[in-house]
C-alpha atoms as a PDB file:
ATOM      1  CA  MET A   1      73.225 121.513  72.039  1.00  0.00           C
ATOM      2  CA  PHE A   2      71.363 120.447  74.498  1.00  0.00           C
ATOM      3  CA  THR A   3      71.067 119.257  78.147  1.00  0.00           C
ATOM      4  CA  VAL A   4      70.232 115.839  79.171  1.00  0.00           C
ATOM      5  CA  THR A   5      70.019 114.052  82.795  1.00  0.00           C
ATOM      6  CA  LEU A   6      71.020 110.482  83.672  1.00  0.00           C
ATOM      7  CA  ASP A   7      67.502 108.845  84.320  1.00  0.00           C
ATOM      8  CA  ARG A   8      68.895 104.762  84.193  1.00  0.00           C
ATOM      9  CA  LEU A   9      72.086 103.057  84.924  1.00  0.00           C
ATOM     10  CA  ARG A  10      72.388  98.932  84.852  1.00  0.00           C
ATOM     11  CA  THR A  11      75.389  96.785  84.953  1.00  0.00           C
ATOM     12  CA  LEU A  12      75.960  94.622  81.821  1.00  0.00           C
ATOM     13  CA  SER A  13      79.165  92.957  82.454  1.00  0.00           C
ATOM     14  CA  ALA A  14      81.987  92.863  85.075  1.00  0.00           C
ATOM     15  CA  SER A  15      83.180  95.929  83.190  1.00  0.00           C
ATOM     16  CA  THR A  16      80.392  97.712  81.169  1.00  0.00           C
ATOM     17  CA  ARG A  17      77.467  99.330  81.913  1.00  0.00           C
ATOM     18  CA  ASP A  18      74.215 101.167  80.105  1.00  0.00           C
ATOM     19  CA  PHE A  19      73.548 104.191  80.829  1.00  0.00           C
ATOM     20  CA  ARG A  20      70.102 106.302  79.959  1.00  0.00           C
ATOM     21  CA  PHE A  21      69.976 109.936  79.618  1.00  0.00           C
ATOM     22  CA  THR A  22      66.771 111.970  78.958  1.00  0.00           C
ATOM     23  CA  ARG A  23      66.779 115.181  77.239  1.00  0.00           C
ATOM     24  CA  GLU A  24      65.321 118.060  79.731  1.00  0.00           C
ATOM     25  CA  ASP A  25      63.703 119.780  76.391  1.00  0.00           C
ATOM     26  CA  GLY A  26      61.329 116.667  75.777  1.00  0.00           C
ATOM     27  CA  GLU A  27      62.597 116.804  72.257  1.00  0.00           C
ATOM     28  CA  THR A  28      63.026 113.572  70.070  1.00  0.00           C
ATOM     29  CA  THR A  29      66.867 113.336  68.972  1.00  0.00           C
ATOM     30  CA  ARG A  30      67.331 113.117  65.126  1.00  0.00           C
ATOM     31  CA  TYR A  31      70.290 111.059  63.800  1.00  0.00           C
ATOM     32  CA  GLU A  32      71.197 108.261  61.238  1.00  0.00           C
ATOM     33  CA  PRO A  33      71.546 104.948  63.469  1.00  0.00           C
ATOM     34  CA  GLY A  34      75.109 104.548  63.884  1.00  0.00           C
ATOM     35  CA  GLN A  35      75.971 108.229  64.521  1.00  0.00           C
ATOM     36  CA  PHE A  36      77.672 109.287  67.676  1.00  0.00           C
ATOM     37  CA  PHE A  37      77.216 112.423  70.155  1.00  0.00           C
ATOM     38  CA  ARG A  38      79.532 114.269  71.910  1.00  0.00           C
ATOM     39  CA  PHE A  39      79.043 114.813  75.878  1.00  0.00           C
ATOM     40  CA  VAL A  40      80.727 117.412  78.123  1.00  0.00           C
ATOM     41  CA  PHE A  41      80.384 116.371  81.430  1.00  0.00           C
ATOM     42  CA  GLU A  42      81.497 118.126  84.728  1.00  0.00           C
ATOM     43  CA  ASP A  43      83.771 117.119  87.514  1.00  0.00           C
ATOM     44  CA  ALA A  44      85.887 118.841  90.547  1.00  0.00           C
ATOM     45  CA  GLU A  45      88.434 119.089  87.932  1.00  0.00           C
ATOM     46  CA  GLY A  46      86.081 121.220  85.661  1.00  0.00           C
ATOM     47  CA  GLU A  47      84.244 120.179  82.056  1.00  0.00           C
ATOM     48  CA  PHE A  48      85.494 117.777  79.578  1.00  0.00           C
ATOM     49  CA  ASP A  49      84.017 115.714  76.803  1.00  0.00           C
ATOM     50  CA  ARG A  50      84.028 112.073  75.806  1.00  0.00           C
ATOM     51  CA  SER A  51      82.071 110.744  72.487  1.00  0.00           C
ATOM     52  CA  TYR A  52      79.732 108.000  72.284  1.00  0.00           C
ATOM     53  CA  SER A  53      77.857 106.702  70.154  1.00  0.00           C
ATOM     54  CA  LEU A  54      74.062 105.809  70.735  1.00  0.00           C
ATOM     55  CA  CYS A  55      73.029 102.145  71.471  1.00  0.00           C
ATOM     56  CA  ASN A  56      68.992 102.767  71.091  1.00  0.00           C
ATOM     57  CA  PHE A  57      67.583  99.616  70.385  1.00  0.00           C
ATOM     58  CA  GLU A  58      64.351  99.299  72.556  1.00  0.00           C
ATOM     59  CA  GLU A  59      63.057 102.882  70.683  1.00  0.00           C
ATOM     60  CA  LEU A  60      65.242 104.175  68.086  1.00  0.00           C
ATOM     61  CA  TYR A  61      63.691 107.607  68.367  1.00  0.00           C
ATOM     62  CA  SER A  62      62.270 109.450  71.583  1.00  0.00           C
ATOM     63  CA  GLU A  63      63.502 112.112  74.023  1.00  0.00           C
ATOM     64  CA  HIS A  64      66.110 108.960  75.256  1.00  0.00           C
ATOM     65  CA  LEU A  65      69.738 108.231  74.361  1.00  0.00           C
ATOM     66  CA  ASP A  66      70.963 105.340  75.476  1.00  0.00           C
ATOM     67  CA  LEU A  67      74.878 105.008  75.937  1.00  0.00           C
ATOM     68  CA  VAL A  68      76.918 101.429  76.717  1.00  0.00           C
ATOM     69  CA  ILE A  69      80.492 102.299  78.296  1.00  0.00           C
ATOM     70  CA  SER A  70      83.463 100.176  79.212  1.00  0.00           C
ATOM     71  CA  ARG A  71      85.144 100.962  82.639  1.00  0.00           C
ATOM     72  CA  VAL A  72      88.655 102.399  81.441  1.00  0.00           C
ATOM     73  CA  ASP A  73      91.675 102.228  83.950  1.00  0.00           C
ATOM     74  CA  GLY A  74      92.644 105.719  85.351  1.00  0.00           C
ATOM     75  CA  GLY A  75      89.830 106.927  83.064  1.00  0.00           C
ATOM     76  CA  ARG A  76      88.357 110.225  84.275  1.00  0.00           C
ATOM     77  CA  ALA A  77      85.183 109.709  82.790  1.00  0.00           C
ATOM     78  CA  THR A  78      84.969 106.015  84.245  1.00  0.00           C
ATOM     79  CA  ARG A  79      85.882 107.715  87.752  1.00  0.00           C
ATOM     80  CA  LEU A  80      82.663 109.815  87.021  1.00  0.00           C
ATOM     81  CA  LEU A  81      79.688 107.943  85.389  1.00  0.00           C
ATOM     82  CA  PHE A  82      80.917 104.641  87.075  1.00  0.00           C
ATOM     83  CA  ASP A  83      80.289 105.964  90.569  1.00  0.00           C
ATOM     84  CA  CYS A  84      77.497 108.137  89.827  1.00  0.00           C
ATOM     85  CA  GLU A  85      73.516 108.446  90.473  1.00  0.00           C
ATOM     86  CA  VAL A  86      70.450 108.718  88.535  1.00  0.00           C
ATOM     87  CA  GLY A  87      70.461 113.078  88.197  1.00  0.00           C
ATOM     88  CA  LEU A  88      73.712 113.697  86.551  1.00  0.00           C
ATOM     89  CA  ARG A  89      73.574 115.955  83.904  1.00  0.00           C
ATOM     90  CA  ALA A  90      75.794 116.675  80.836  1.00  0.00           C
ATOM     91  CA  ARG A  91      75.364 119.051  77.537  1.00  0.00           C
ATOM     92  CA  VAL A  92      75.442 117.157  74.198  1.00  0.00           C
ATOM     93  CA  THR A  93      75.990 118.273  70.912  1.00  0.00           C
ATOM     94  CA  GLY A  94      75.676 116.392  67.531  1.00  0.00           C
ATOM     95  CA  PRO A  95      75.097 113.535  65.856  1.00  0.00           C
ATOM     96  CA  PHE A  96      78.445 113.425  64.347  1.00  0.00           C
ATOM     97  CA  GLY A  97      80.283 110.474  62.010  1.00  0.00           C
ATOM     98  CA  ARG A  98      79.476 108.373  58.600  1.00  0.00           C
ATOM     99  CA  LEU A  99      79.301 104.598  60.290  1.00  0.00           C
ATOM    100  CA  THR A 100      75.435 104.334  59.026  1.00  0.00           C
ATOM    101  CA  LEU A 101      73.949 102.454  56.254  1.00  0.00           C
ATOM    102  CA  PRO A 102      74.575 103.111  52.868  1.00  0.00           C
ATOM    103  CA  ALA A 103      71.737 104.504  50.639  1.00  0.00           C
ATOM    104  CA  THR A 104      71.087 101.185  49.184  1.00  0.00           C
ATOM    105  CA  LEU A 105      71.343  97.878  50.988  1.00  0.00           C
ATOM    106  CA  PRO A 106      74.037  95.686  49.396  1.00  0.00           C
ATOM    107  CA  ARG A 107      73.687  92.298  49.175  1.00  0.00           C
ATOM    108  CA  ARG A 108      75.245  91.672  51.926  1.00  0.00           C
ATOM    109  CA  LEU A 109      76.060  93.891  54.943  1.00  0.00           C
ATOM    110  CA  PHE A 110      79.192  92.409  57.525  1.00  0.00           C
ATOM    111  CA  LEU A 111      78.962  94.499  60.810  1.00  0.00           C
ATOM    112  CA  ILE A 112      82.235  93.869  62.730  1.00  0.00           C
ATOM    113  CA  ALA A 113      82.562  94.991  66.515  1.00  0.00           C
ATOM    114  CA  THR A 114      84.911  94.364  69.388  1.00  0.00           C
ATOM    115  CA  SER A 115      83.204  95.184  72.666  1.00  0.00           C
ATOM    116  CA  VAL A 116      81.480  97.934  73.446  1.00  0.00           C
ATOM    117  CA  GLY A 117      82.088  98.432  69.453  1.00  0.00           C
ATOM    118  CA  LEU A 118      78.850  97.122  69.158  1.00  0.00           C
ATOM    119  CA  SER A 119      77.079  99.939  70.384  1.00  0.00           C
ATOM    120  CA  PRO A 120      75.844 101.775  67.084  1.00  0.00           C
ATOM    121  CA  PHE A 121      75.411  98.748  65.452  1.00  0.00           C
ATOM    122  CA  MET A 122      72.492  98.165  67.709  1.00  0.00           C
ATOM    123  CA  PRO A 123      70.279 101.098  66.562  1.00  0.00           C
ATOM    124  CA  ILE A 124      71.519 100.008  62.949  1.00  0.00           C
ATOM    125  CA  LEU A 125      69.837  95.980  63.537  1.00  0.00           C
ATOM    126  CA  LYS A 126      66.909  97.475  64.600  1.00  0.00           C
ATOM    127  CA  ALA A 127      66.698 100.068  61.424  1.00  0.00           C
ATOM    128  CA  LEU A 128      66.913  96.897  59.294  1.00  0.00           C
ATOM    129  CA  GLU A 129      64.478  95.073  61.639  1.00  0.00           C
ATOM    130  CA  THR A 130      61.655  97.804  60.751  1.00  0.00           C
ATOM    131  CA  GLY A 131      62.397  98.830  57.145  1.00  0.00           C
ATOM    132  CA  LEU A 132      64.248  95.705  55.529  1.00  0.00           C
ATOM    133  CA  ASN A 133      62.145  95.078  52.596  1.00  0.00           C
ATOM    134  CA  GLU A 134      60.299  91.626  53.309  1.00  0.00           C
ATOM    135  CA  ALA A 135      61.885  89.711  50.113  1.00  0.00           C
ATOM    136  CA  GLY A 136      65.244  89.733  52.738  1.00  0.00           C
ATOM    137  CA  ASP A 137      67.454  90.067  49.918  1.00  0.00           C
ATOM    138  CA  CYS A 138      69.641  91.575  52.594  1.00  0.00           C
ATOM    139  CA  GLN A 139      72.195  89.640  54.711  1.00  0.00           C
ATOM    140  CA  VAL A 140      73.271  90.944  57.805  1.00  0.00           C
ATOM    141  CA  VAL A 141      76.247  89.369  59.521  1.00  0.00           C
ATOM    142  CA  LEU A 142      77.484  90.747  62.775  1.00  0.00           C
ATOM    143  CA  LEU A 143      80.812  89.404  63.701  1.00  0.00           C
ATOM    144  CA  LEU A 144      81.106  90.609  67.303  1.00  0.00           C
ATOM    145  CA  GLY A 145      84.451  89.841  69.146  1.00  0.00           C
ATOM    146  CA  VAL A 146      85.079  89.452  73.159  1.00  0.00           C
ATOM    147  CA  ARG A 147      87.495  87.866  75.122  1.00  0.00           C
ATOM    148  CA  ASP A 148      84.546  85.452  77.114  1.00  0.00           C
ATOM    149  CA  ARG A 149      80.866  84.641  77.055  1.00  0.00           C
ATOM    150  CA  SER A 150      80.655  87.455  80.035  1.00  0.00           C
ATOM    151  CA  GLU A 151      81.357  90.336  77.651  1.00  0.00           C
ATOM    152  CA  PHE A 152      78.772  89.153  75.586  1.00  0.00           C
ATOM    153  CA  ILE A 153      76.172  92.626  75.947  1.00  0.00           C
ATOM    154  CA  TYR A 154      72.733  92.213  75.175  1.00  0.00           C
ATOM    155  CA  GLY A 155      73.311  88.411  74.124  1.00  0.00           C
ATOM    156  CA  LYS A 156      69.559  87.409  74.868  1.00  0.00           C
ATOM    157  CA  GLN A 157      68.343  90.338  72.181  1.00  0.00           C
ATOM    158  CA  LEU A 158      70.761  89.638  69.806  1.00  0.00           C
ATOM    159  CA  LEU A 159      70.144  85.816  69.815  1.00  0.00           C
ATOM    160  CA  ASP A 160      65.952  86.590  70.178  1.00  0.00           C
ATOM    161  CA  TYR A 161      66.689  89.120  66.922  1.00  0.00           C
ATOM    162  CA  GLY A 162      68.438  86.285  65.029  1.00  0.00           C
ATOM    163  CA  GLN A 163      65.759  83.853  65.679  1.00  0.00           C
ATOM    164  CA  ARG A 164      62.832  86.693  64.376  1.00  0.00           C
ATOM    165  CA  ASN A 165      65.145  87.506  61.257  1.00  0.00           C
ATOM    166  CA  PRO A 166      66.446  84.877  59.157  1.00  0.00           C
ATOM    167  CA  TRP A 167      67.985  87.168  57.113  1.00  0.00           C
ATOM    168  CA  PHE A 168      70.710  87.840  60.071  1.00  0.00           C
ATOM    169  CA  GLU A 169      73.960  86.251  61.124  1.00  0.00           C
ATOM    170  CA  LEU A 170      75.518  86.117  64.376  1.00  0.00           C
ATOM    171  CA  ARG A 171      79.144  85.026  65.093  1.00  0.00           C
ATOM    172  CA  LEU A 172      80.335  85.727  68.422  1.00  0.00           C
ATOM    173  CA  CYS A 173      84.237  85.675  68.533  1.00  0.00           C
ATOM    174  CA  LEU A 174      85.422  84.152  71.737  1.00  0.00           C
ATOM    175  CA  SER A 175      89.755  84.979  72.226  1.00  0.00           C
ATOM    176  CA  ARG A 176      90.401  82.937  75.585  1.00  0.00           C
ATOM    177  CA  GLU A 177      87.271  81.042  76.199  1.00  0.00           C
ATOM    178  CA  PRO A 178      86.456  77.847  73.322  1.00  0.00           C
ATOM    179  CA  ALA A 179      83.741  78.200  71.687  1.00  0.00           C
ATOM    180  CA  SER A 180      80.500  75.510  71.921  1.00  0.00           C
ATOM    181  CA  ALA A 181      77.679  76.946  70.891  1.00  0.00           C
ATOM    182  CA  GLY A 182      76.171  77.285  66.876  1.00  0.00           C
ATOM    183  CA  HIS A 183      77.043  80.958  66.810  1.00  0.00           C
ATOM    184  CA  GLU A 184      79.933  80.710  68.650  1.00  0.00           C
ATOM    185  CA  ARG A 185      83.679  80.640  66.928  1.00  0.00           C
ATOM    186  CA  ASP A 186      87.085  80.540  68.344  1.00  0.00           C
ATOM    187  CA  GLY A 187      89.699  83.358  67.769  1.00  0.00           C
ATOM    188  CA  TYR A 188      89.786  87.212  66.774  1.00  0.00           C
ATOM    189  CA  VAL A 189      86.868  88.407  64.420  1.00  0.00           C
ATOM    190  CA  THR A 190      89.087  89.219  61.599  1.00  0.00           C
ATOM    191  CA  ALA A 191      89.835  85.473  61.141  1.00  0.00           C
ATOM    192  CA  GLN A 192      86.425  84.705  60.078  1.00  0.00           C
ATOM    193  CA  LEU A 193      86.316  87.248  56.780  1.00  0.00           C
ATOM    194  CA  ALA A 194      88.239  84.706  54.288  1.00  0.00           C
ATOM    195  CA  GLU A 195      85.104  82.300  55.299  1.00  0.00           C
ATOM    196  CA  PHE A 196      83.078  84.416  53.790  1.00  0.00           C
ATOM    197  CA  ASP A 197      84.752  85.200  50.439  1.00  0.00           C
ATOM    198  CA  PRO A 198      84.189  89.111  50.622  1.00  0.00           C
ATOM    199  CA  ASP A 199      82.868  90.133  46.953  1.00  0.00           C
ATOM    200  CA  THR A 200      83.441  94.034  46.086  1.00  0.00           C
ATOM    201  CA  THR A 201      80.454  93.684  44.060  1.00  0.00           C
ATOM    202  CA  THR A 202      78.140  92.604  46.340  1.00  0.00           C
ATOM    203  CA  ASP A 203      79.356  93.939  50.175  1.00  0.00           C
ATOM    204  CA  HIS A 204      79.284  96.398  52.118  1.00  0.00           C
ATOM    205  CA  PHE A 205      81.324  96.900  55.666  1.00  0.00           C
ATOM    206  CA  LEU A 206      81.184  98.522  58.803  1.00  0.00           C
ATOM    207  CA  LEU A 207      83.883  98.033  61.448  1.00  0.00           C
ATOM    208  CA  CYS A 208      83.482  99.691  64.916  1.00  0.00           C
ATOM    209  CA  GLY A 209      85.853  98.958  67.228  1.00  0.00           C
ATOM    210  CA  ASN A 210      89.098  98.269  69.122  1.00  0.00           C
ATOM    211  CA  PRO A 211      91.968 100.157  66.723  1.00  0.00           C
ATOM    212  CA  ALA A 212      93.867  97.410  66.068  1.00  0.00           C
ATOM    213  CA  MET A 213      91.188  95.488  64.974  1.00  0.00           C
ATOM    214  CA  VAL A 214      89.714  97.895  62.327  1.00  0.00           C
ATOM    215  CA  ASP A 215      93.031  98.472  60.807  1.00  0.00           C
ATOM    216  CA  GLU A 216      94.012  94.877  60.786  1.00  0.00           C
ATOM    217  CA  ALA A 217      90.194  94.283  59.090  1.00  0.00           C
ATOM    218  CA  TYR A 218      90.524  96.902  56.677  1.00  0.00           C
ATOM    219  CA  ALA A 219      94.080  95.598  55.568  1.00  0.00           C
ATOM    220  CA  ARG A 220      92.761  92.352  54.612  1.00  0.00           C
ATOM    221  CA  LEU A 221      89.642  93.659  52.949  1.00  0.00           C
ATOM    222  CA  LYS A 222      91.925  96.128  50.484  1.00  0.00           C
ATOM    223  CA  VAL A 223      93.829  92.808  49.628  1.00  0.00           C
ATOM    224  CA  SER A 224      90.466  91.670  48.233  1.00  0.00           C
ATOM    225  CA  GLY A 225      90.261  94.976  46.374  1.00  0.00           C
ATOM    226  CA  PHE A 226      87.798  96.680  48.420  1.00  0.00           C
ATOM    227  CA  GLY A 227      88.446 100.452  49.030  1.00  0.00           C
ATOM    228  CA  PRO A 228      86.985 103.273  51.751  1.00  0.00           C
ATOM    229  CA  ARG A 229      83.488 103.671  50.321  1.00  0.00           C
ATOM    230  CA  GLN A 230      82.611  99.899  50.954  1.00  0.00           C
ATOM    231  CA  VAL A 231      84.393  99.975  54.370  1.00  0.00           C
ATOM    232  CA  ILE A 232      83.878 102.364  56.762  1.00  0.00           C
ATOM    233  CA  ARG A 233      85.612 102.536  60.106  1.00  0.00           C
ATOM    234  CA  GLU A 234      85.401 104.049  63.220  1.00  0.00           C
ATOM    235  CA  LYS A 235      88.081 103.345  66.534  1.00  0.00           C
ATOM    236  CA  TYR A 236      87.198 103.183  69.648  1.00  0.00           C
ATOM    237  CA  VAL A 237      89.499 105.559  71.727  1.00  0.00           C
ATOM    238  CA  PHE A 238      89.519 104.755  75.499  1.00  0.00           C
ATOM    239  CA  ALA A 239      90.932 108.264  77.078  1.00  0.00           C
ATOM    240  CA  ARG A 240      92.689 107.766  80.092  1.00  0.00           C
ATOM    241  CA  GLU A 241      94.647 109.927  82.651  1.00  0.00           C
ATOM    242  CA  LYS A 242      96.897 112.423  80.405  1.00  0.00           C
ATOM    243  CA  LYS A 243     100.230 111.062  82.658  1.00  0.00           C
ATOM    244  CA  ALA A 244      99.194 107.334  81.391  1.00  0.00           C
ATOM    245  CA  ALA A 245      98.286 108.420  77.798  1.00  0.00           C
ATOM    246  CA  SER A 246     101.689 110.768  77.327  1.00  0.00           C
ATOM    247  CA  LYS A 247     103.124 108.006  75.857  1.00  0.00           C
ATOM    248  CA  LEU A 248     100.621 107.361  73.201  1.00  0.00           C
ATOM    249  CA  SER A 249      99.231 111.385  72.613  1.00  0.00           C
ATOM    250  CA  ASP A 250     100.403 111.783  68.896  1.00  0.00           C
ATOM    251  CA  GLU A 251      97.992 108.399  68.298  1.00  0.00           C
ATOM    252  CA  GLN A 252      95.234 109.578  70.454  1.00  0.00           C
ATOM    253  CA  LYS A 253      95.227 112.817  68.739  1.00  0.00           C
ATOM    254  CA  LYS A 254      95.117 111.538  65.503  1.00  0.00           C
ATOM    255  CA  LEU A 255      92.045 109.484  66.669  1.00  0.00           C
ATOM    256  CA  ILE A 256      89.938 111.410  68.214  1.00  0.00           C
ATOM    257  CA  ALA A 257      90.374 113.900  65.287  1.00  0.00           C
ATOM    258  CA  GLU A 258      89.158 110.922  63.088  1.00  0.00           C
ATOM    259  CA  LYS A 259      86.451 110.534  65.077  1.00  0.00           C
ATOM    260  CA  MET A 260      85.056 113.895  65.844  1.00  0.00           C
ATOM    261  CA  LYS A 261      85.275 114.846  62.732  1.00  0.00           C
ATOM    262  CA  LYS A 262      82.036 115.931  61.081  1.00  0.00           C
ATOM    263  CA  TYR A 263      81.008 114.425  57.849  1.00  0.00           C
ATOM    264  CA  THR A 264      78.790 116.717  55.110  1.00  0.00           C
END
C-alpha cells in the first residue's frame, strides 16, 4: 500500500474528468498496462474504496497514476472527486486484473470499450507503440462506443496515434449521433464484430466497459468458437448511493467480486 496526492484534474467532457495522483514516496508504480488499482478515500462519512484502471498514456511508468472518472448520479466518489481540489489524498493498493496484453501478440488484437472503459486501453496502446515490432505483423483495432462526439475523450490523441501507426484502426461507434467522418460508425460496438469475421486462430479480444456490452460481445464471439482465454473481460461497475443500488445489490456484488479478484 502507498499514499498518493492529487496533483492535477482536468475536464474531458460534461460528465468525465481525468485526475493525476502522485505517489508521496516518489517511487515508480509497477503494473501491466491494463491493470487497475484500489483507491481508499475518506469523506465526512468515513473511509470508502473504489477501483480504477490506470490511464497512463503520457508516461507509462513513473510516480504518477492517471485516472479517468465519469460522474455517477448519487455516487459517493462523485461527490468527493467532482468537488475536490488539488491536494486530495488516498491510499492505494494493487495492481489487480488480467485485462492485459497476451504474452505473444496475435495477428489481430481487438480492444473493445464503451465510455471510460477506454481507460485501460490507453496504456496498452502506449505499450504497443513502444514495443510492437517494426514488421507490424499485429493489427490492432479499437472499437469505442459513445453516445455522441462530446464523449470521445482523448480523441485527438487517438487520431494522432492512428496517423503515426498504420497497424492501428480506430472505429468510433456513435449510438445517438449520425456518423460522418471516416473513422466513425453508426450504432453500437457489438454491431461491428461481424464485419471483421472473427477467427479463433488469429484473433484476441480485450473487452472493457458497460456490463451489457461486455456480455453481448462475448455472447457473439462464443458463437464463433471463442472462449475465455481469447476474450478477456472487465466490466465497469458504477457505485451509487446504497438506497439507489439496493435493487441491484446482488448483481453489483457479483461484478465487484469479479473486478477485485486477484489473478495469479
